[in-house]
Amino acid sequence: MKIQQIAELLDAKILCGADRLDGIVKSACGCDMMSDVLAFVKDQAVLLTGLCNPQVVRTAEMMDMKCIVFVRGKMPPESVVALADDSGIVVMATDERMYVACGKLYANGLAGGGTES
């Protein structure tokens, strides 16, 4: 799924990486525990989270993730957005709750990264 489509489905505000919206992600992960992301996520994924700190970006960078979506109306500090931009990661924010955001992406064909990938 193109990152642009994720933004549209979630009615998300692009915080950085508007020039990279044609990127493709193959799976999604909704999680606030970065240790779980490290344990279970494959590359070329989008991370949906309500956690707004630099560790989110560092984790996404280590896992070769292309996009981070902050849910529940959370807005990360500018330093977090700048770190993601420097790492080539698209960042967006949505008012959707994590469960609903993940459901919308799944219903529109984005795999969860488990056995259905």
PDB file of N, CA and C in Angstrom:
ATOM      1  N   MET A   1       0.845  -1.171   0.000  1.00  0.00           N
ATOM      2  CA  MET A   1       0.000   0.000   0.000  1.00  0.00           C
ATOM      3  C   MET A   1       0.898   1.243   0.000  1.00  0.00           C
ATOM      4  N   LYS A   2       0.519   2.216  -0.792  1.00  0.00           N
ATOM      5  CA  LYS A   2       1.271   3.471  -0.806  1.00  0.00           C
ATOM      6  C   LYS A   2       1.003   4.265   0.477  1.00  0.00           C
ATOM      7  N   ILE A   3       2.019   4.970   0.927  1.00  0.00           N
ATOM      8  CA  ILE A   3       1.897   5.783   2.131  1.00  0.00           C
ATOM      9  C   ILE A   3       0.816   6.848   1.944  1.00  0.00           C
ATOM     10  N   GLN A   4       0.675   7.361   0.744  1.00  0.00           N
ATOM     11  CA  GLN A   4      -0.376   8.345   0.443  1.00  0.00           C
ATOM     12  C   GLN A   4      -1.750   7.776   0.765  1.00  0.00           C
ATOM     13  N   GLN A   5      -1.966   6.516   0.425  1.00  0.00           N
ATOM     14  CA  GLN A   5      -3.256   5.881   0.687  1.00  0.00           C
ATOM     15  C   GLN A   5      -3.508   5.752   2.194  1.00  0.00           C
ATOM     16  N   ILE A   6      -2.460   5.471   2.954  1.00  0.00           N
ATOM     17  CA  ILE A   6      -2.588   5.398   4.417  1.00  0.00           C
ATOM     18  C   ILE A   6      -3.052   6.749   4.952  1.00  0.00           C
ATOM     19  N   ALA A   7      -2.412   7.818   4.491  1.00  0.00           N
ATOM     20  CA  ALA A   7      -2.779   9.169   4.928  1.00  0.00           C
ATOM     21  C   ALA A   7      -4.247   9.461   4.618  1.00  0.00           C
ATOM     22  N   GLU A   8      -4.686   9.064   3.446  1.00  0.00           N
ATOM     23  CA  GLU A   8      -6.075   9.314   3.047  1.00  0.00           C
ATOM     24  C   GLU A   8      -7.061   8.490   3.877  1.00  0.00           C
ATOM     25  N   LEU A   9      -6.759   7.210   4.068  1.00  0.00           N
ATOM     26  CA  LEU A   9      -7.658   6.342   4.832  1.00  0.00           C
ATOM     27  C   LEU A   9      -7.812   6.804   6.275  1.00  0.00           C
ATOM     28  N   LEU A  10      -6.743   7.351   6.842  1.00  0.00           N
ATOM     29  CA  LEU A  10      -6.758   7.755   8.250  1.00  0.00           C
ATOM     30  C   LEU A  10      -7.015   9.244   8.434  1.00  0.00           C
ATOM     31  N   ASP A  11      -7.246   9.951   7.328  1.00  0.00           N
ATOM     32  CA  ASP A  11      -7.441  11.400   7.378  1.00  0.00           C
ATOM     33  C   ASP A  11      -6.330  12.026   8.233  1.00  0.00           C
ATOM     34  N   ALA A  12      -5.099  11.649   7.901  1.00  0.00           N
ATOM     35  CA  ALA A  12      -3.937  12.022   8.706  1.00  0.00           C
ATOM     36  C   ALA A  12      -3.258  13.282   8.189  1.00  0.00           C
ATOM     37  N   LYS A  13      -2.691  14.011   9.117  1.00  0.00           N
ATOM     38  CA  LYS A  13      -1.899  15.197   8.798  1.00  0.00           C
ATOM     39  C   LYS A  13      -0.442  14.768   8.614  1.00  0.00           C
ATOM     40  N   ILE A  14       0.149  15.156   7.484  1.00  0.00           N
ATOM     41  CA  ILE A  14       1.546  14.821   7.217  1.00  0.00           C
ATOM     42  C   ILE A  14       2.428  15.796   7.991  1.00  0.00           C
ATOM     43  N   LEU A  15       3.299  15.269   8.851  1.00  0.00           N
ATOM     44  CA  LEU A  15       4.187  16.110   9.653  1.00  0.00           C
ATOM     45  C   LEU A  15       5.571  16.242   9.037  1.00  0.00           C
ATOM     46  N   CYS A  16       5.993  15.223   8.310  1.00  0.00           N
ATOM     47  CA  CYS A  16       7.240  15.298   7.527  1.00  0.00           C
ATOM     48  C   CYS A  16       7.235  14.188   6.489  1.00  0.00           C
ATOM     49  N   GLY A  17       8.025  14.369   5.449  1.00  0.00           N
ATOM     50  CA  GLY A  17       8.150  13.345   4.418  1.00  0.00           C
ATOM     51  C   GLY A  17       7.109  13.416   3.324  1.00  0.00           C
ATOM     52  N   ALA A  18       6.522  14.589   3.109  1.00  0.00           N
ATOM     53  CA  ALA A  18       5.495  14.719   2.066  1.00  0.00           C
ATOM     54  C   ALA A  18       6.029  14.341   0.695  1.00  0.00           C
ATOM     55  N   ASP A  19       7.325  14.426   0.519  1.00  0.00           N
ATOM     56  CA  ASP A  19       7.937  14.053  -0.762  1.00  0.00           C
ATOM     57  C   ASP A  19       8.146  12.544  -0.891  1.00  0.00           C
ATOM     58  N   ARG A  20       7.790  11.783   0.132  1.00  0.00           N
ATOM     59  CA  ARG A  20       7.988  10.327   0.110  1.00  0.00           C
ATOM     60  C   ARG A  20       6.669   9.550   0.205  1.00  0.00           C
ATOM     61  N   LEU A  21       5.561  10.196  -0.119  1.00  0.00           N
ATOM     62  CA  LEU A  21       4.258   9.556   0.017  1.00  0.00           C
ATOM     63  C   LEU A  21       4.004   8.469  -1.019  1.00  0.00           C
ATOM     64  N   ASP A  22       4.851   8.389  -2.028  1.00  0.00           N
ATOM     65  CA  ASP A  22       4.692   7.323  -3.016  1.00  0.00           C
ATOM     66  C   ASP A  22       5.396   6.039  -2.583  1.00  0.00           C
ATOM     67  N   GLY A  23       6.011   6.062  -1.400  1.00  0.00           N
ATOM     68  CA  GLY A  23       6.649   4.858  -0.864  1.00  0.00           C
ATOM     69  C   GLY A  23       5.624   3.770  -0.587  1.00  0.00           C
ATOM     70  N   ILE A  24       6.084   2.531  -0.616  1.00  0.00           N
ATOM     71  CA  ILE A  24       5.218   1.368  -0.426  1.00  0.00           C
ATOM     72  C   ILE A  24       5.534   0.707   0.915  1.00  0.00           C
ATOM     73  N   VAL A  25       4.489   0.365   1.662  1.00  0.00           N
ATOM     74  CA  VAL A  25       4.657  -0.455   2.861  1.00  0.00           C
ATOM     75  C   VAL A  25       3.894  -1.749   2.659  1.00  0.00           C
ATOM     76  N   LYS A  26       4.409  -2.822   3.243  1.00  0.00           N
ATOM     77  CA  LYS A  26       3.827  -4.142   3.029  1.00  0.00           C
ATOM     78  C   LYS A  26       3.052  -4.668   4.224  1.00  0.00           C
ATOM     79  N   SER A  27       3.230  -4.026   5.386  1.00  0.00           N
ATOM     80  CA  SER A  27       2.526  -4.480   6.577  1.00  0.00           C
ATOM     81  C   SER A  27       2.405  -3.328   7.567  1.00  0.00           C
ATOM     82  N   ALA A  28       1.630  -3.561   8.629  1.00  0.00           N
ATOM     83  CA  ALA A  28       1.430  -2.541   9.652  1.00  0.00           C
ATOM     84  C   ALA A  28       1.569  -3.165  11.031  1.00  0.00           C
ATOM     85  N   CYS A  29       1.929  -2.309  11.987  1.00  0.00           N
ATOM     86  CA  CYS A  29       2.043  -2.736  13.374  1.00  0.00           C
ATOM     87  C   CYS A  29       1.481  -1.626  14.250  1.00  0.00           C
ATOM     88  N   GLY A  30       0.525  -1.946  15.100  1.00  0.00           N
ATOM     89  CA  GLY A  30      -0.002  -0.991  16.063  1.00  0.00           C
ATOM     90  C   GLY A  30       0.502  -1.357  17.440  1.00  0.00           C
ATOM     91  N   CYS A  31       1.352  -0.511  18.018  1.00  0.00           N
ATOM     92  CA  CYS A  31       1.997  -0.891  19.269  1.00  0.00           C
ATOM     93  C   CYS A  31       2.582   0.324  19.982  1.00  0.00           C
ATOM     94  N   ASP A  32       2.516   0.312  21.322  1.00  0.00           N
ATOM     95  CA  ASP A  32       3.170   1.342  22.124  1.00  0.00           C
ATOM     96  C   ASP A  32       4.398   0.784  22.844  1.00  0.00           C
ATOM     97  N   MET A  33       4.635  -0.498  22.733  1.00  0.00           N
ATOM     98  CA  MET A  33       5.811  -1.112  23.361  1.00  0.00           C
ATOM     99  C   MET A  33       6.866  -1.385  22.288  1.00  0.00           C
ATOM    100  N   MET A  34       7.918  -0.593  22.307  1.00  0.00           N
ATOM    101  CA  MET A  34       8.927  -0.705  21.260  1.00  0.00           C
ATOM    102  C   MET A  34       9.658  -2.040  21.306  1.00  0.00           C
ATOM    103  N   SER A  35       9.714  -2.693  22.460  1.00  0.00           N
ATOM    104  CA  SER A  35      10.334  -4.021  22.526  1.00  0.00           C
ATOM    105  C   SER A  35       9.531  -5.021  21.696  1.00  0.00           C
ATOM    106  N   ASP A  36       8.207  -4.884  21.673  1.00  0.00           N
ATOM    107  CA  ASP A  36       7.380  -5.763  20.844  1.00  0.00           C
ATOM    108  C   ASP A  36       7.598  -5.468  19.369  1.00  0.00           C
ATOM    109  N   VAL A  37       7.761  -4.216  19.031  1.00  0.00           N
ATOM    110  CA  VAL A  37       8.031  -3.855  17.637  1.00  0.00           C
ATOM    111  C   VAL A  37       9.336  -4.510  17.190  1.00  0.00           C
ATOM    112  N   LEU A  38      10.354  -4.438  18.026  1.00  0.00           N
ATOM    113  CA  LEU A  38      11.649  -5.046  17.694  1.00  0.00           C
ATOM    114  C   LEU A  38      11.532  -6.556  17.532  1.00  0.00           C
ATOM    115  N   ALA A  39      10.653  -7.167  18.302  1.00  0.00           N
ATOM    116  CA  ALA A  39      10.533  -8.623  18.280  1.00  0.00           C
ATOM    117  C   ALA A  39       9.694  -9.150  17.121  1.00  0.00           C
ATOM    118  N   PHE A  40       8.724  -8.370  16.661  1.00  0.00           N
ATOM    119  CA  PHE A  40       7.753  -8.934  15.732  1.00  0.00           C
ATOM    120  C   PHE A  40       7.636  -8.275  14.365  1.00  0.00           C
ATOM    121  N   VAL A  41       8.171  -7.104  14.174  1.00  0.00           N
ATOM    122  CA  VAL A  41       7.928  -6.363  12.942  1.00  0.00           C
ATOM    123  C   VAL A  41       8.944  -6.700  11.872  1.00  0.00           C
ATOM    124  N   LYS A  42       8.434  -6.802  10.648  1.00  0.00           N
ATOM    125  CA  LYS A  42       9.302  -6.983   9.480  1.00  0.00           C
ATOM    126  C   LYS A  42       9.565  -5.618   8.871  1.00  0.00           C
ATOM    127  N   ASP A  43      10.472  -5.579   7.920  1.00  0.00           N
ATOM    128  CA  ASP A  43      10.809  -4.300   7.283  1.00  0.00           C
ATOM    129  C   ASP A  43       9.682  -3.822   6.365  1.00  0.00           C
ATOM    130  N   GLN A  44       9.835  -2.614   5.885  1.00  0.00           N
ATOM    131  CA  GLN A  44       8.884  -1.977   4.982  1.00  0.00           C
ATOM    132  C   GLN A  44       7.475  -1.965   5.563  1.00  0.00           C
ATOM    133  N   ALA A  45       7.401  -1.561   6.826  1.00  0.00           N
ATOM    134  CA  ALA A  45       6.125  -1.517   7.523  1.00  0.00           C
ATOM    135  C   ALA A  45       5.805  -0.094   7.953  1.00  0.00           C
ATOM    136  N   VAL A  46       4.571   0.090   8.381  1.00  0.00           N
ATOM    137  CA  VAL A  46       4.143   1.340   8.998  1.00  0.00           C
ATOM    138  C   VAL A  46       3.875   1.042  10.471  1.00  0.00           C
ATOM    139  N   LEU A  47       4.319   1.931  11.339  1.00  0.00           N
ATOM    140  CA  LEU A  47       4.108   1.789  12.776  1.00  0.00           C
ATOM    141  C   LEU A  47       3.040   2.766  13.224  1.00  0.00           C
ATOM    142  N   LEU A  48       2.005   2.266  13.868  1.00  0.00           N
ATOM    143  CA  LEU A  48       0.974   3.107  14.473  1.00  0.00           C
ATOM    144  C   LEU A  48       1.190   3.072  15.973  1.00  0.00           C
ATOM    145  N   THR A  49       1.304   4.246  16.586  1.00  0.00           N
ATOM    146  CA  THR A  49       1.613   4.309  18.003  1.00  0.00           C
ATOM    147  C   THR A  49       1.093   5.596  18.622  1.00  0.00           C
ATOM    148  N   GLY A  50       0.932   5.572  19.928  1.00  0.00           N
ATOM    149  CA  GLY A  50       0.583   6.769  20.681  1.00  0.00           C
ATOM    150  C   GLY A  50       1.765   7.268  21.493  1.00  0.00           C
ATOM    151  N   LEU A  51       2.884   6.578  21.382  1.00  0.00           N
ATOM    152  CA  LEU A  51       4.094   6.946  22.104  1.00  0.00           C
ATOM    153  C   LEU A  51       4.840   8.013  21.317  1.00  0.00           C
ATOM    154  N   CYS A  52       5.128   9.138  21.946  1.00  0.00           N
ATOM    155  CA  CYS A  52       5.707  10.293  21.238  1.00  0.00           C
ATOM    156  C   CYS A  52       7.099  10.635  21.751  1.00  0.00           C
ATOM    157  N   ASN A  53       8.040   9.737  21.588  1.00  0.00           N
ATOM    158  CA  ASN A  53       9.403  10.041  22.020  1.00  0.00           C
ATOM    159  C   ASN A  53      10.411   9.567  20.968  1.00  0.00           C
ATOM    160  N   PRO A  54      11.678   9.955  21.106  1.00  0.00           N
ATOM    161  CA  PRO A  54      12.685   9.594  20.089  1.00  0.00           C
ATOM    162  C   PRO A  54      12.884   8.092  19.910  1.00  0.00           C
ATOM    163  N   GLN A  55      12.583   7.297  20.943  1.00  0.00           N
ATOM    164  CA  GLN A  55      12.760   5.851  20.822  1.00  0.00           C
ATOM    165  C   GLN A  55      11.880   5.260  19.724  1.00  0.00           C
ATOM    166  N   VAL A  56      10.734   5.875  19.471  1.00  0.00           N
ATOM    167  CA  VAL A  56       9.853   5.409  18.398  1.00  0.00           C
ATOM    168  C   VAL A  56      10.573   5.517  17.054  1.00  0.00           C
ATOM    169  N   VAL A  57      11.206   6.645  16.829  1.00  0.00           N
ATOM    170  CA  VAL A  57      11.924   6.857  15.576  1.00  0.00           C
ATOM    171  C   VAL A  57      13.132   5.932  15.493  1.00  0.00           C
ATOM    172  N   ARG A  58      13.869   5.798  16.569  1.00  0.00           N
ATOM    173  CA  ARG A  58      15.048   4.915  16.568  1.00  0.00           C
ATOM    174  C   ARG A  58      14.644   3.473  16.284  1.00  0.00           C
ATOM    175  N   THR A  59      13.542   3.048  16.873  1.00  0.00           N
ATOM    176  CA  THR A  59      13.052   1.690  16.628  1.00  0.00           C
ATOM    177  C   THR A  59      12.623   1.526  15.177  1.00  0.00           C
ATOM    178  N   ALA A  60      11.881   2.476  14.664  1.00  0.00           N
ATOM    179  CA  ALA A  60      11.435   2.411  13.269  1.00  0.00           C
ATOM    180  C   ALA A  60      12.634   2.393  12.326  1.00  0.00           C
ATOM    181  N   GLU A  61      13.634   3.176  12.638  1.00  0.00           N
ATOM    182  CA  GLU A  61      14.842   3.231  11.817  1.00  0.00           C
ATOM    183  C   GLU A  61      15.551   1.877  11.814  1.00  0.00           C
ATOM    184  N   MET A  62      15.686   1.253  12.992  1.00  0.00           N
ATOM    185  CA  MET A  62      16.357  -0.053  13.084  1.00  0.00           C
ATOM    186  C   MET A  62      15.608  -1.132  12.319  1.00  0.00           C
ATOM    187  N   MET A  63      14.283  -1.003  12.256  1.00  0.00           N
ATOM    188  CA  MET A  63      13.454  -2.022  11.608  1.00  0.00           C
ATOM    189  C   MET A  63      13.159  -1.687  10.143  1.00  0.00           C
ATOM    190  N   ASP A  64      13.821  -0.669   9.614  1.00  0.00           N
ATOM    191  CA  ASP A  64      13.646  -0.257   8.221  1.00  0.00           C
ATOM    192  C   ASP A  64      12.193   0.065   7.894  1.00  0.00           C
ATOM    193  N   MET A  65      11.510   0.689   8.851  1.00  0.00           N
ATOM    194  CA  MET A  65      10.120   1.095   8.637  1.00  0.00           C
ATOM    195  C   MET A  65      10.105   2.387   7.832  1.00  0.00           C
ATOM    196  N   LYS A  66       9.080   2.551   7.039  1.00  0.00           N
ATOM    197  CA  LYS A  66       8.970   3.691   6.134  1.00  0.00           C
ATOM    198  C   LYS A  66       8.103   4.817   6.665  1.00  0.00           C
ATOM    199  N   CYS A  67       7.261   4.507   7.661  1.00  0.00           N
ATOM    200  CA  CYS A  67       6.261   5.488   8.088  1.00  0.00           C
ATOM    201  C   CYS A  67       5.864   5.251   9.541  1.00  0.00           C
ATOM    202  N   ILE A  68       5.641   6.353  10.257  1.00  0.00           N
ATOM    203  CA  ILE A  68       5.097   6.304  11.613  1.00  0.00           C
ATOM    204  C   ILE A  68       3.814   7.122  11.623  1.00  0.00           C
ATOM    205  N   VAL A  69       2.764   6.543  12.194  1.00  0.00           N
ATOM    206  CA  VAL A  69       1.498   7.255  12.352  1.00  0.00           C
ATOM    207  C   VAL A  69       1.222   7.381  13.850  1.00  0.00           C
ATOM    208  N   PHE A  70       1.141   8.609  14.333  1.00  0.00           N
ATOM    209  CA  PHE A  70       0.776   8.849  15.718  1.00  0.00           C
ATOM    210  C   PHE A  70      -0.745   8.916  15.794  1.00  0.00           C
ATOM    211  N   VAL A  71      -1.328   8.092  16.660  1.00  0.00           N
ATOM    212  CA  VAL A  71      -2.776   7.956  16.765  1.00  0.00           C
ATOM    213  C   VAL A  71      -3.319   8.751  17.946  1.00  0.00           C
ATOM    214  N   ARG A  72      -4.645   8.750  18.076  1.00  0.00           N
ATOM    215  CA  ARG A  72      -5.352   9.398  19.187  1.00  0.00           C
ATOM    216  C   ARG A  72      -5.065  10.891  19.302  1.00  0.00           C
ATOM    217  N   GLY A  73      -4.767  11.530  18.175  1.00  0.00           N
ATOM    218  CA  GLY A  73      -4.525  12.967  18.192  1.00  0.00           C
ATOM    219  C   GLY A  73      -3.199  13.364  18.811  1.00  0.00           C
ATOM    220  N   LYS A  74      -2.342  12.408  19.065  1.00  0.00           N
ATOM    221  CA  LYS A  74      -1.032  12.703  19.659  1.00  0.00           C
ATOM    222  C   LYS A  74      -0.179  13.446  18.644  1.00  0.00           C
ATOM    223  N   MET A  75       0.532  14.452  19.119  1.00  0.00           N
ATOM    224  CA  MET A  75       1.444  15.216  18.273  1.00  0.00           C
ATOM    225  C   MET A  75       2.842  15.124  18.876  1.00  0.00           C
ATOM    226  N   PRO A  76       3.774  14.534  18.149  1.00  0.00           N
ATOM    227  CA  PRO A  76       5.137  14.399  18.677  1.00  0.00           C
ATOM    228  C   PRO A  76       5.834  15.751  18.723  1.00  0.00           C
ATOM    229  N   PRO A  77       6.826  15.891  19.605  1.00  0.00           N
ATOM    230  CA  PRO A  77       7.609  17.126  19.633  1.00  0.00           C
ATOM    231  C   PRO A  77       8.346  17.324  18.305  1.00  0.00           C
ATOM    232  N   GLU A  78       8.648  18.562  17.987  1.00  0.00           N
ATOM    233  CA  GLU A  78       9.340  18.876  16.738  1.00  0.00           C
ATOM    234  C   GLU A  78      10.668  18.127  16.629  1.00  0.00           C
ATOM    235  N   SER A  79      11.334  17.900  17.759  1.00  0.00           N
ATOM    236  CA  SER A  79      12.615  17.176  17.727  1.00  0.00           C
ATOM    237  C   SER A  79      12.435  15.741  17.234  1.00  0.00           C
ATOM    238  N   VAL A  80      11.319  15.131  17.575  1.00  0.00           N
ATOM    239  CA  VAL A  80      11.028  13.762  17.120  1.00  0.00           C
ATOM    240  C   VAL A  80      10.729  13.764  15.621  1.00  0.00           C
ATOM    241  N   VAL A  81       9.965  14.745  15.175  1.00  0.00           N
ATOM    242  CA  VAL A  81       9.648  14.866  13.750  1.00  0.00           C
ATOM    243  C   VAL A  81      10.931  15.104  12.946  1.00  0.00           C
ATOM    244  N   ALA A  82      11.803  15.967  13.444  1.00  0.00           N
ATOM    245  CA  ALA A  82      13.060  16.265  12.749  1.00  0.00           C
ATOM    246  C   ALA A  82      13.953  15.026  12.677  1.00  0.00           C
ATOM    247  N   LEU A  83      13.996  14.247  13.748  1.00  0.00           N
ATOM    248  CA  LEU A  83      14.787  13.017  13.762  1.00  0.00           C
ATOM    249  C   LEU A  83      14.271  12.037  12.704  1.00  0.00           C
ATOM    250  N   ALA A  84      12.955  11.901  12.608  1.00  0.00           N
ATOM    251  CA  ALA A  84      12.361  11.017  11.608  1.00  0.00           C
ATOM    252  C   ALA A  84      12.649  11.518  10.202  1.00  0.00           C
ATOM    253  N   ASP A  85      12.529  12.810   9.999  1.00  0.00           N
ATOM    254  CA  ASP A  85      12.790  13.388   8.678  1.00  0.00           C
ATOM    255  C   ASP A  85      14.239  13.128   8.264  1.00  0.00           C
ATOM    256  N   ASP A  86      15.166  13.303   9.195  1.00  0.00           N
ATOM    257  CA  ASP A  86      16.580  13.036   8.915  1.00  0.00           C
ATOM    258  C   ASP A  86      16.822  11.570   8.575  1.00  0.00           C
ATOM    259  N   SER A  87      15.961  10.693   9.096  1.00  0.00           N
ATOM    260  CA  SER A  87      16.096   9.255   8.850  1.00  0.00           C
ATOM    261  C   SER A  87      15.310   8.794   7.624  1.00  0.00           C
ATOM    262  N   GLY A  88      14.624   9.714   6.960  1.00  0.00           N
ATOM    263  CA  GLY A  88      13.855   9.357   5.765  1.00  0.00           C
ATOM    264  C   GLY A  88      12.532   8.674   6.058  1.00  0.00           C
ATOM    265  N   ILE A  89      11.999   8.877   7.261  1.00  0.00           N
ATOM    266  CA  ILE A  89      10.747   8.247   7.667  1.00  0.00           C
ATOM    267  C   ILE A  89       9.614   9.267   7.582  1.00  0.00           C
ATOM    268  N   VAL A  90       8.531   8.884   6.933  1.00  0.00           N
ATOM    269  CA  VAL A  90       7.349   9.735   6.853  1.00  0.00           C
ATOM    270  C   VAL A  90       6.656   9.702   8.217  1.00  0.00           C
ATOM    271  N   VAL A  91       6.231  10.867   8.688  1.00  0.00           N
ATOM    272  CA  VAL A  91       5.507  10.944   9.960  1.00  0.00           C
ATOM    273  C   VAL A  91       4.169  11.627   9.716  1.00  0.00           C
ATOM    274  N   MET A  92       3.127  11.030  10.274  1.00  0.00           N
ATOM    275  CA  MET A  92       1.801  11.632  10.197  1.00  0.00           C
ATOM    276  C   MET A  92       1.071  11.431  11.504  1.00  0.00           C
ATOM    277  N   ALA A  93       0.000  12.187  11.679  1.00  0.00           N
ATOM    278  CA  ALA A  93      -0.813  12.104  12.893  1.00  0.00           C
ATOM    279  C   ALA A  93      -2.280  12.022  12.508  1.00  0.00           C
ATOM    280  N   THR A  94      -3.014  11.209  13.249  1.00  0.00           N
ATOM    281  CA  THR A  94      -4.444  11.036  13.015  1.00  0.00           C
ATOM    282  C   THR A  94      -5.189  11.112  14.345  1.00  0.00           C
ATOM    283  N   ASP A  95      -6.431  11.523  14.287  1.00  0.00           N
ATOM    284  CA  ASP A  95      -7.270  11.534  15.483  1.00  0.00           C
ATOM    285  C   ASP A  95      -7.857  10.159  15.782  1.00  0.00           C
ATOM    286  N   GLU A  96      -7.726   9.229  14.842  1.00  0.00           N
ATOM    287  CA  GLU A  96      -8.277   7.880  15.037  1.00  0.00           C
ATOM    288  C   GLU A  96      -7.600   7.185  16.215  1.00  0.00           C
ATOM    289  N   ARG A  97      -8.371   6.352  16.898  1.00  0.00           N
ATOM    290  CA  ARG A  97      -7.786   5.489  17.926  1.00  0.00           C
ATOM    291  C   ARG A  97      -7.022   4.375  17.230  1.00  0.00           C
ATOM    292  N   MET A  98      -6.071   3.783  17.935  1.00  0.00           N
ATOM    293  CA  MET A  98      -5.216   2.776  17.313  1.00  0.00           C
ATOM    294  C   MET A  98      -6.015   1.609  16.734  1.00  0.00           C
ATOM    295  N   TYR A  99      -6.978   1.112  17.477  1.00  0.00           N
ATOM    296  CA  TYR A  99      -7.768  -0.029  17.028  1.00  0.00           C
ATOM    297  C   TYR A  99      -8.475   0.280  15.706  1.00  0.00           C
ATOM    298  N   VAL A 100      -9.099   1.435  15.631  1.00  0.00           N
ATOM    299  CA  VAL A 100      -9.832   1.830  14.426  1.00  0.00           C
ATOM    300  C   VAL A 100      -8.868   2.060  13.270  1.00  0.00           C
ATOM    301  N   ALA A 101      -7.755   2.737  13.530  1.00  0.00           N
ATOM    302  CA  ALA A 101      -6.770   3.004  12.470  1.00  0.00           C
ATOM    303  C   ALA A 101      -6.221   1.705  11.898  1.00  0.00           C
ATOM    304  N   CYS A 102      -5.855   0.782  12.772  1.00  0.00           N
ATOM    305  CA  CYS A 102      -5.345  -0.510  12.303  1.00  0.00           C
ATOM    306  C   CYS A 102      -6.417  -1.262  11.519  1.00  0.00           C
ATOM    307  N   GLY A 103      -7.653  -1.210  12.010  1.00  0.00           N
ATOM    308  CA  GLY A 103      -8.754  -1.882  11.323  1.00  0.00           C
ATOM    309  C   GLY A 103      -8.991  -1.336   9.930  1.00  0.00           C
ATOM    310  N   LYS A 104      -8.923  -0.016   9.787  1.00  0.00           N
ATOM    311  CA  LYS A 104      -9.109   0.590   8.465  1.00  0.00           C
ATOM    312  C   LYS A 104      -8.022   0.133   7.493  1.00  0.00           C
ATOM    313  N   LEU A 105      -6.792   0.106   7.963  1.00  0.00           N
ATOM    314  CA  LEU A 105      -5.693  -0.316   7.085  1.00  0.00           C
ATOM    315  C   LEU A 105      -5.838  -1.790   6.715  1.00  0.00           C
ATOM    316  N   TYR A 106      -6.170  -2.628   7.690  1.00  0.00           N
ATOM    317  CA  TYR A 106      -6.348  -4.051   7.438  1.00  0.00           C
ATOM    318  C   TYR A 106      -7.497  -4.297   6.470  1.00  0.00           C
ATOM    319  N   ALA A 107      -8.616  -3.614   6.683  1.00  0.00           N
ATOM    320  CA  ALA A 107      -9.788  -3.783   5.822  1.00  0.00           C
ATOM    321  C   ALA A 107      -9.513  -3.360   4.384  1.00  0.00           C
ATOM    322  N   ASN A 108      -8.514  -2.501   4.211  1.00  0.00           N
ATOM    323  CA  ASN A 108      -8.163  -2.047   2.867  1.00  0.00           C
ATOM    324  C   ASN A 108      -6.955  -2.773   2.290  1.00  0.00           C
ATOM    325  N   GLY A 109      -6.604  -3.904   2.889  1.00  0.00           N
ATOM    326  CA  GLY A 109      -5.617  -4.797   2.280  1.00  0.00           C
ATOM    327  C   GLY A 109      -4.214  -4.781   2.834  1.00  0.00           C
ATOM    328  N   LEU A 110      -3.951  -3.993   3.872  1.00  0.00           N
ATOM    329  CA  LEU A 110      -2.594  -3.966   4.431  1.00  0.00           C
ATOM    330  C   LEU A 110      -2.469  -5.074   5.466  1.00  0.00           C
ATOM    331  N   ALA A 111      -1.514  -5.962   5.254  1.00  0.00           N
ATOM    332  CA  ALA A 111      -1.332  -7.129   6.121  1.00  0.00           C
ATOM    333  C   ALA A 111      -0.816  -6.723   7.490  1.00  0.00           C
ATOM    334  N   GLY A 112      -1.003  -7.624   8.446  1.00  0.00           N
ATOM    335  CA  GLY A 112      -0.522  -7.390   9.798  1.00  0.00           C
ATOM    336  C   GLY A 112       0.905  -7.828  10.014  1.00  0.00           C
ATOM    337  N   GLY A 113       1.518  -8.464   9.056  1.00  0.00           N
ATOM    338  CA  GLY A 113       2.916  -8.864   9.191  1.00  0.00           C
ATOM    339  C   GLY A 113       3.099 -10.253   9.760  1.00  0.00           C
ATOM    340  N   GLY A 114       2.039 -10.934  10.132  1.00  0.00           N
ATOM    341  CA  GLY A 114       2.140 -12.291  10.662  1.00  0.00           C
ATOM    342  C   GLY A 114       2.050 -13.302   9.550  1.00  0.00           C
ATOM    343  N   THR A 115       1.262 -14.327   9.739  1.00  0.00           N
ATOM    344  CA  THR A 115       1.146 -15.397   8.762  1.00  0.00           C
ATOM    345  C   THR A 115       0.383 -14.972   7.518  1.00  0.00           C
ATOM    346  N   GLU A 116      -0.368 -13.855   7.617  1.00  0.00           N
ATOM    347  CA  GLU A 116      -1.146 -13.421   6.447  1.00  0.00           C
ATOM    348  C   GLU A 116      -0.314 -12.616   5.461  1.00  0.00           C
ATOM    349  N   SER A 117       0.951 -12.310   5.772  1.00  0.00           N
ATOM    350  CA  SER A 117       1.784 -11.520   4.858  1.00  0.00           C
ATOM    351  C   SER A 117       2.230 -12.313   3.663  1.00  0.00           C
TER     352      SER A 117
END
